[in-house]
Amino acid sequence: ISDTDIIALMEGGNPIPLWGNVLVKPHDISETDEVI
């Protein structure tokens, strides 16, 4: 693969995003209502 296809590095079981990638936690319903 290309080096840019490596999107994250795993450290201690936790993903560390690389390049232009972002780690997000999608909202649950209550948080989503607040966002709206």
All heavy atoms as atom14 arrays in JSON, in Angstrom:
{
  "sequence": "ISDTDIIALMEGGNPIPLWGNVLVKPHDISETDEVI",
  "atom14_mask": [
    [1, 1, 1, 1, 1, 1, 1, 1, 0, 0, 0, 0, 0, 0],
    [1, 1, 1, 1, 1, 1, 0, 0, 0, 0, 0, 0, 0, 0],
    [1, 1, 1, 1, 1, 1, 1, 1, 0, 0, 0, 0, 0, 0],
    [1, 1, 1, 1, 1, 1, 1, 0, 0, 0, 0, 0, 0, 0],
    [1, 1, 1, 1, 1, 1, 1, 1, 0, 0, 0, 0, 0, 0],
    [1, 1, 1, 1, 1, 1, 1, 1, 0, 0, 0, 0, 0, 0],
    [1, 1, 1, 1, 1, 1, 1, 1, 0, 0, 0, 0, 0, 0],
    [1, 1, 1, 1, 1, 0, 0, 0, 0, 0, 0, 0, 0, 0],
    [1, 1, 1, 1, 1, 1, 1, 1, 0, 0, 0, 0, 0, 0],
    [1, 1, 1, 1, 1, 1, 1, 1, 0, 0, 0, 0, 0, 0],
    [1, 1, 1, 1, 1, 1, 1, 1, 1, 0, 0, 0, 0, 0],
    [1, 1, 1, 1, 0, 0, 0, 0, 0, 0, 0, 0, 0, 0],
    [1, 1, 1, 1, 0, 0, 0, 0, 0, 0, 0, 0, 0, 0],
    [1, 1, 1, 1, 1, 1, 1, 1, 0, 0, 0, 0, 0, 0],
    [1, 1, 1, 1, 1, 1, 1, 0, 0, 0, 0, 0, 0, 0],
    [1, 1, 1, 1, 1, 1, 1, 1, 0, 0, 0, 0, 0, 0],
    [1, 1, 1, 1, 1, 1, 1, 0, 0, 0, 0, 0, 0, 0],
    [1, 1, 1, 1, 1, 1, 1, 1, 0, 0, 0, 0, 0, 0],
    [1, 1, 1, 1, 1, 1, 1, 1, 1, 1, 1, 1, 1, 1],
    [1, 1, 1, 1, 0, 0, 0, 0, 0, 0, 0, 0, 0, 0],
    [1, 1, 1, 1, 1, 1, 1, 1, 0, 0, 0, 0, 0, 0],
    [1, 1, 1, 1, 1, 1, 1, 0, 0, 0, 0, 0, 0, 0],
    [1, 1, 1, 1, 1, 1, 1, 1, 0, 0, 0, 0, 0, 0],
    [1, 1, 1, 1, 1, 1, 1, 0, 0, 0, 0, 0, 0, 0],
    [1, 1, 1, 1, 1, 1, 1, 1, 1, 0, 0, 0, 0, 0],
    [1, 1, 1, 1, 1, 1, 1, 0, 0, 0, 0, 0, 0, 0],
    [1, 1, 1, 1, 1, 1, 1, 1, 1, 1, 0, 0, 0, 0],
    [1, 1, 1, 1, 1, 1, 1, 1, 0, 0, 0, 0, 0, 0],
    [1, 1, 1, 1, 1, 1, 1, 1, 0, 0, 0, 0, 0, 0],
    [1, 1, 1, 1, 1, 1, 0, 0, 0, 0, 0, 0, 0, 0],
    [1, 1, 1, 1, 1, 1, 1, 1, 1, 0, 0, 0, 0, 0],
    [1, 1, 1, 1, 1, 1, 1, 0, 0, 0, 0, 0, 0, 0],
    [1, 1, 1, 1, 1, 1, 1, 1, 0, 0, 0, 0, 0, 0],
    [1, 1, 1, 1, 1, 1, 1, 1, 1, 0, 0, 0, 0, 0],
    [1, 1, 1, 1, 1, 1, 1, 0, 0, 0, 0, 0, 0, 0],
    [1, 1, 1, 1, 1, 1, 1, 1, 0, 0, 0, 0, 0, 0]
  ],
  "atom14_positions": [
    [[0.84, -1.19, 0.0], [0.0, 0.0, 0.0], [0.88, 1.25, 0.0], [2.08, 1.17, 0.23], [-0.94, 0.04, 1.23], [-0.12, 0.11, 2.53], [-1.87, -1.17, 1.25], [-0.96, 0.27, 3.78], [0.0, 0.0, 0.0], [0.0, 0.0, 0.0], [0.0, 0.0, 0.0], [0.0, 0.0, 0.0], [0.0, 0.0, 0.0], [0.0, 0.0, 0.0]],
    [[0.27, 2.4, -0.24], [0.97, 3.67, -0.13], [1.1, 4.06, 1.34], [0.24, 3.69, 2.16], [0.19, 4.75, -0.89], [0.71, 6.04, -0.6], [0.0, 0.0, 0.0], [0.0, 0.0, 0.0], [0.0, 0.0, 0.0], [0.0, 0.0, 0.0], [0.0, 0.0, 0.0], [0.0, 0.0, 0.0], [0.0, 0.0, 0.0], [0.0, 0.0, 0.0]],
    [[2.14, 4.81, 1.67], [2.3, 5.23, 3.07], [1.12, 6.08, 3.55], [0.77, 6.06, 4.73], [3.62, 5.96, 3.3], [3.77, 7.24, 2.48], [2.95, 7.48, 1.57], [4.73, 8.0, 2.75], [0.0, 0.0, 0.0], [0.0, 0.0, 0.0], [0.0, 0.0, 0.0], [0.0, 0.0, 0.0], [0.0, 0.0, 0.0], [0.0, 0.0, 0.0]],
    [[0.47, 6.8, 2.63], [-0.67, 7.64, 3.01], [-1.93, 6.81, 3.29], [-2.92, 7.35, 3.79], [-0.97, 8.68, 1.93], [-1.16, 8.02, 0.67], [0.16, 9.68, 1.8], [0.0, 0.0, 0.0], [0.0, 0.0, 0.0], [0.0, 0.0, 0.0], [0.0, 0.0, 0.0], [0.0, 0.0, 0.0], [0.0, 0.0, 0.0], [0.0, 0.0, 0.0]],
    [[-1.88, 5.51, 2.95], [-3.0, 4.63, 3.27], [-2.94, 4.12, 4.7], [-3.85, 3.42, 5.15], [-3.06, 3.45, 2.3], [-3.63, 3.84, 0.95], [-4.61, 4.59, 0.92], [-3.07, 3.4, -0.08], [0.0, 0.0, 0.0], [0.0, 0.0, 0.0], [0.0, 0.0, 0.0], [0.0, 0.0, 0.0], [0.0, 0.0, 0.0], [0.0, 0.0, 0.0]],
    [[-1.86, 4.44, 5.41], [-1.81, 4.16, 6.85], [-2.44, 5.35, 7.55], [-1.88, 6.44, 7.6], [-0.37, 3.94, 7.33], [0.24, 2.72, 6.65], [-0.33, 3.78, 8.85], [1.68, 2.44, 7.06], [0.0, 0.0, 0.0], [0.0, 0.0, 0.0], [0.0, 0.0, 0.0], [0.0, 0.0, 0.0], [0.0, 0.0, 0.0], [0.0, 0.0, 0.0]],
    [[-3.65, 5.17, 8.07], [-4.41, 6.3, 8.58], [-4.3, 6.48, 10.09], [-4.65, 7.53, 10.62], [-5.9, 6.19, 8.19], [-6.52, 4.91, 8.75], [-6.03, 6.23, 6.67], [-8.01, 4.8, 8.46], [0.0, 0.0, 0.0], [0.0, 0.0, 0.0], [0.0, 0.0, 0.0], [0.0, 0.0, 0.0], [0.0, 0.0, 0.0], [0.0, 0.0, 0.0]],
    [[-3.79, 5.47, 10.79], [-3.63, 5.6, 12.23], [-2.61, 4.6, 12.74], [-2.39, 3.54, 12.15], [-4.96, 5.4, 12.95], [0.0, 0.0, 0.0], [0.0, 0.0, 0.0], [0.0, 0.0, 0.0], [0.0, 0.0, 0.0], [0.0, 0.0, 0.0], [0.0, 0.0, 0.0], [0.0, 0.0, 0.0], [0.0, 0.0, 0.0], [0.0, 0.0, 0.0]],
    [[-1.99, 4.96, 13.85], [-1.02, 4.1, 14.52], [-1.63, 3.67, 15.85], [-2.2, 4.5, 16.57], [0.27, 4.87, 14.76], [1.38, 4.22, 15.6], [1.94, 3.01, 14.86], [2.49, 5.24, 15.87], [0.0, 0.0, 0.0], [0.0, 0.0, 0.0], [0.0, 0.0, 0.0], [0.0, 0.0, 0.0], [0.0, 0.0, 0.0], [0.0, 0.0, 0.0]],
    [[-1.55, 2.38, 16.16], [-2.09, 1.89, 17.43], [-1.0, 1.94, 18.5], [0.07, 1.35, 18.33], [-2.6, 0.46, 17.27], [-3.75, 0.31, 16.3], [-5.24, 1.22, 16.8], [-5.72, 0.3, 18.28], [0.0, 0.0, 0.0], [0.0, 0.0, 0.0], [0.0, 0.0, 0.0], [0.0, 0.0, 0.0], [0.0, 0.0, 0.0], [0.0, 0.0, 0.0]],
    [[-1.26, 2.66, 19.58], [-0.33, 2.75, 20.7], [-1.08, 2.41, 21.98], [-1.98, 3.12, 22.38], [0.28, 4.14, 20.79], [1.26, 4.46, 19.68], [2.0, 5.76, 19.9], [1.62, 6.51, 20.83], [2.95, 6.04, 19.16], [0.0, 0.0, 0.0], [0.0, 0.0, 0.0], [0.0, 0.0, 0.0], [0.0, 0.0, 0.0], [0.0, 0.0, 0.0]],
    [[-0.68, 1.29, 22.61], [-1.34, 0.88, 23.84], [-2.83, 0.61, 23.65], [-3.62, 0.82, 24.55], [0.0, 0.0, 0.0], [0.0, 0.0, 0.0], [0.0, 0.0, 0.0], [0.0, 0.0, 0.0], [0.0, 0.0, 0.0], [0.0, 0.0, 0.0], [0.0, 0.0, 0.0], [0.0, 0.0, 0.0], [0.0, 0.0, 0.0], [0.0, 0.0, 0.0]],
    [[-3.18, 0.14, 22.43], [-4.58, -0.14, 22.14], [-5.38, 1.07, 21.73], [-6.57, 0.96, 21.43], [0.0, 0.0, 0.0], [0.0, 0.0, 0.0], [0.0, 0.0, 0.0], [0.0, 0.0, 0.0], [0.0, 0.0, 0.0], [0.0, 0.0, 0.0], [0.0, 0.0, 0.0], [0.0, 0.0, 0.0], [0.0, 0.0, 0.0], [0.0, 0.0, 0.0]],
    [[-4.75, 2.25, 21.69], [-5.44, 3.48, 21.31], [-5.0, 3.94, 19.93], [-3.8, 3.95, 19.62], [-5.14, 4.59, 22.33], [-5.64, 4.24, 23.71], [-6.76, 3.8, 23.88], [-4.78, 4.44, 24.71], [0.0, 0.0, 0.0], [0.0, 0.0, 0.0], [0.0, 0.0, 0.0], [0.0, 0.0, 0.0], [0.0, 0.0, 0.0], [0.0, 0.0, 0.0]],
    [[-5.94, 4.33, 19.07], [-5.59, 4.8, 17.72], [-5.09, 6.24, 17.74], [-5.71, 7.12, 18.33], [-6.91, 4.67, 16.95], [-7.97, 4.81, 18.0], [-7.4, 4.24, 19.26], [0.0, 0.0, 0.0], [0.0, 0.0, 0.0], [0.0, 0.0, 0.0], [0.0, 0.0, 0.0], [0.0, 0.0, 0.0], [0.0, 0.0, 0.0], [0.0, 0.0, 0.0]],
    [[-3.95, 6.47, 17.11], [-3.4, 7.82, 16.94], [-3.53, 8.17, 15.47], [-2.83, 7.59, 14.62], [-1.91, 7.87, 17.35], [-1.69, 7.27, 18.73], [-1.4, 9.3, 17.27], [-2.43, 7.96, 19.85], [0.0, 0.0, 0.0], [0.0, 0.0, 0.0], [0.0, 0.0, 0.0], [0.0, 0.0, 0.0], [0.0, 0.0, 0.0], [0.0, 0.0, 0.0]],
    [[-4.44, 9.08, 15.1], [-4.63, 9.39, 13.68], [-3.38, 10.0, 13.06], [-2.66, 10.77, 13.71], [-5.8, 10.39, 13.69], [-5.8, 10.97, 15.06], [-5.31, 9.9, 15.97], [0.0, 0.0, 0.0], [0.0, 0.0, 0.0], [0.0, 0.0, 0.0], [0.0, 0.0, 0.0], [0.0, 0.0, 0.0], [0.0, 0.0, 0.0], [0.0, 0.0, 0.0]],
    [[-3.13, 9.64, 11.8], [-1.98, 10.16, 11.06], [-2.46, 10.96, 9.86], [-3.64, 10.96, 9.52], [-1.09, 9.0, 10.59], [-0.56, 8.04, 11.67], [0.24, 6.91, 11.01], [0.29, 8.78, 12.69], [0.0, 0.0, 0.0], [0.0, 0.0, 0.0], [0.0, 0.0, 0.0], [0.0, 0.0, 0.0], [0.0, 0.0, 0.0], [0.0, 0.0, 0.0]],
    [[-1.51, 11.64, 9.22], [-1.79, 12.44, 8.03], [-2.95, 13.41, 8.3], [-2.98, 14.07, 9.32], [-2.09, 11.53, 6.83], [-0.97, 10.61, 6.48], [-0.9, 9.26, 6.72], [0.26, 10.94, 5.82], [0.28, 8.74, 6.27], [1.01, 9.74, 5.69], [0.8, 12.12, 5.32], [2.28, 9.71, 5.1], [2.05, 12.08, 4.71], [2.77, 10.89, 4.61]],
    [[-3.92, 13.45, 7.38], [-5.04, 14.37, 7.55], [-6.27, 13.69, 8.1], [-7.4, 14.04, 7.74], [0.0, 0.0, 0.0], [0.0, 0.0, 0.0], [0.0, 0.0, 0.0], [0.0, 0.0, 0.0], [0.0, 0.0, 0.0], [0.0, 0.0, 0.0], [0.0, 0.0, 0.0], [0.0, 0.0, 0.0], [0.0, 0.0, 0.0], [0.0, 0.0, 0.0]],
    [[-6.08, 12.72, 8.97], [-7.21, 11.97, 9.53], [-7.55, 12.43, 10.94], [-6.7, 12.97, 11.65], [-6.88, 10.47, 9.52], [-6.71, 9.94, 8.11], [-7.66, 9.89, 7.33], [-5.48, 9.58, 7.75], [0.0, 0.0, 0.0], [0.0, 0.0, 0.0], [0.0, 0.0, 0.0], [0.0, 0.0, 0.0], [0.0, 0.0, 0.0], [0.0, 0.0, 0.0]],
    [[-8.8, 12.2, 11.3], [-9.32, 12.7, 12.58], [-10.08, 11.57, 13.27], [-10.85, 10.85, 12.64], [-10.27, 13.9, 12.35], [-10.84, 14.4, 13.66], [-9.53, 15.02, 11.62], [0.0, 0.0, 0.0], [0.0, 0.0, 0.0], [0.0, 0.0, 0.0], [0.0, 0.0, 0.0], [0.0, 0.0, 0.0], [0.0, 0.0, 0.0], [0.0, 0.0, 0.0]],
    [[-9.85, 11.42, 14.55], [-10.57, 10.44, 15.36], [-11.75, 11.13, 16.02], [-11.58, 12.15, 16.7], [-9.65, 9.85, 16.43], [-10.26, 8.81, 17.39], [-10.67, 7.55, 16.63], [-9.28, 8.47, 18.51], [0.0, 0.0, 0.0], [0.0, 0.0, 0.0], [0.0, 0.0, 0.0], [0.0, 0.0, 0.0], [0.0, 0.0, 0.0], [0.0, 0.0, 0.0]],
    [[-12.95, 10.61, 15.8], [-14.16, 11.23, 16.36], [-14.99, 10.2, 17.12], [-14.89, 9.0, 16.87], [-15.04, 11.87, 15.26], [-14.29, 12.95, 14.51], [-15.55, 10.81, 14.29], [0.0, 0.0, 0.0], [0.0, 0.0, 0.0], [0.0, 0.0, 0.0], [0.0, 0.0, 0.0], [0.0, 0.0, 0.0], [0.0, 0.0, 0.0], [0.0, 0.0, 0.0]],
    [[-15.78, 10.7, 18.03], [-16.74, 9.86, 18.74], [-18.13, 10.37, 18.37], [-18.54, 11.45, 18.78], [-16.54, 9.96, 20.25], [-17.56, 9.14, 21.04], [-17.4, 9.33, 22.54], [-18.46, 8.54, 23.3], [-18.37, 8.77, 24.77], [0.0, 0.0, 0.0], [0.0, 0.0, 0.0], [0.0, 0.0, 0.0], [0.0, 0.0, 0.0], [0.0, 0.0, 0.0]],
    [[-18.88, 9.6, 17.58], [-20.23, 10.03, 17.19], [-21.11, 10.25, 18.43], [-20.97, 9.56, 19.43], [-20.75, 8.86, 16.35], [-19.51, 8.23, 15.8], [-18.49, 8.35, 16.91], [0.0, 0.0, 0.0], [0.0, 0.0, 0.0], [0.0, 0.0, 0.0], [0.0, 0.0, 0.0], [0.0, 0.0, 0.0], [0.0, 0.0, 0.0], [0.0, 0.0, 0.0]],
    [[-21.99, 11.22, 18.33], [-22.86, 11.56, 19.44], [-23.98, 10.54, 19.63], [-24.45, 9.94, 18.67], [-23.51, 12.93, 19.21], [-22.54, 14.06, 19.34], [-22.63, 15.2, 18.58], [-21.45, 14.23, 20.14], [-21.65, 16.03, 18.91], [-20.92, 15.46, 19.85], [0.0, 0.0, 0.0], [0.0, 0.0, 0.0], [0.0, 0.0, 0.0], [0.0, 0.0, 0.0]],
    [[-24.42, 10.39, 20.87], [-25.63, 9.63, 21.12], [-26.82, 10.57, 20.93], [-26.67, 11.75, 20.61], [-25.63, 8.98, 22.5], [-25.53, 9.99, 23.64], [-25.93, 11.16, 23.45], [-25.04, 9.62, 24.72], [0.0, 0.0, 0.0], [0.0, 0.0, 0.0], [0.0, 0.0, 0.0], [0.0, 0.0, 0.0], [0.0, 0.0, 0.0], [0.0, 0.0, 0.0]],
    [[-28.02, 10.06, 21.13], [-29.22, 10.84, 20.83], [-29.31, 12.13, 21.64], [-29.61, 13.2, 21.12], [-30.49, 9.99, 21.06], [-30.52, 8.83, 20.07], [-31.75, 10.84, 20.9], [-30.55, 9.24, 18.62], [0.0, 0.0, 0.0], [0.0, 0.0, 0.0], [0.0, 0.0, 0.0], [0.0, 0.0, 0.0], [0.0, 0.0, 0.0], [0.0, 0.0, 0.0]],
    [[-29.02, 12.06, 22.95], [-29.13, 13.26, 23.78], [-28.14, 14.32, 23.36], [-28.46, 15.51, 23.31], [-28.92, 12.9, 25.26], [-27.63, 12.35, 25.46], [0.0, 0.0, 0.0], [0.0, 0.0, 0.0], [0.0, 0.0, 0.0], [0.0, 0.0, 0.0], [0.0, 0.0, 0.0], [0.0, 0.0, 0.0], [0.0, 0.0, 0.0], [0.0, 0.0, 0.0]],
    [[-26.9, 13.9, 23.04], [-25.9, 14.85, 22.58], [-26.28, 15.43, 21.24], [-26.05, 16.6, 20.95], [-24.54, 14.15, 22.49], [-23.95, 13.74, 23.83], [-22.69, 12.92, 23.66], [-22.72, 11.98, 22.83], [-21.72, 13.19, 24.35], [0.0, 0.0, 0.0], [0.0, 0.0, 0.0], [0.0, 0.0, 0.0], [0.0, 0.0, 0.0], [0.0, 0.0, 0.0]],
    [[-26.88, 14.61, 20.38], [-27.29, 15.06, 19.05], [-28.36, 16.14, 19.14], [-28.33, 17.14, 18.41], [-27.81, 13.88, 18.22], [-26.75, 12.94, 18.04], [-28.29, 14.33, 16.86], [0.0, 0.0, 0.0], [0.0, 0.0, 0.0], [0.0, 0.0, 0.0], [0.0, 0.0, 0.0], [0.0, 0.0, 0.0], [0.0, 0.0, 0.0], [0.0, 0.0, 0.0]],
    [[-29.32, 15.97, 20.04], [-30.35, 16.99, 20.24], [-29.73, 18.33, 20.62], [-30.15, 19.39, 20.15], [-31.33, 16.54, 21.33], [-32.22, 15.39, 20.87], [-32.35, 15.2, 19.64], [-32.79, 14.69, 21.74], [0.0, 0.0, 0.0], [0.0, 0.0, 0.0], [0.0, 0.0, 0.0], [0.0, 0.0, 0.0], [0.0, 0.0, 0.0], [0.0, 0.0, 0.0]],
    [[-28.7, 18.26, 21.47], [-28.02, 19.49, 21.9], [-27.3, 20.13, 20.72], [-27.31, 21.36, 20.56], [-27.03, 19.16, 23.01], [-26.3, 20.38, 23.56], [-25.33, 20.01, 24.67], [-25.37, 18.86, 25.14], [-24.53, 20.88, 25.05], [0.0, 0.0, 0.0], [0.0, 0.0, 0.0], [0.0, 0.0, 0.0], [0.0, 0.0, 0.0], [0.0, 0.0, 0.0]],
    [[-26.68, 19.3, 19.87], [-25.97, 19.82, 18.71], [-26.93, 20.49, 17.74], [-26.65, 21.56, 17.2], [-25.21, 18.67, 17.98], [-24.74, 19.11, 16.6], [-24.02, 18.24, 18.82], [0.0, 0.0, 0.0], [0.0, 0.0, 0.0], [0.0, 0.0, 0.0], [0.0, 0.0, 0.0], [0.0, 0.0, 0.0], [0.0, 0.0, 0.0], [0.0, 0.0, 0.0]],
    [[-28.1, 19.87, 17.53], [-29.09, 20.46, 16.63], [-29.52, 21.83, 17.15], [-29.66, 22.8, 16.39], [-30.31, 19.53, 16.49], [-29.92, 18.26, 15.71], [-31.46, 20.24, 15.77], [-31.02, 17.23, 15.63], [0.0, 0.0, 0.0], [0.0, 0.0, 0.0], [0.0, 0.0, 0.0], [0.0, 0.0, 0.0], [0.0, 0.0, 0.0], [0.0, 0.0, 0.0]]
  ]
}
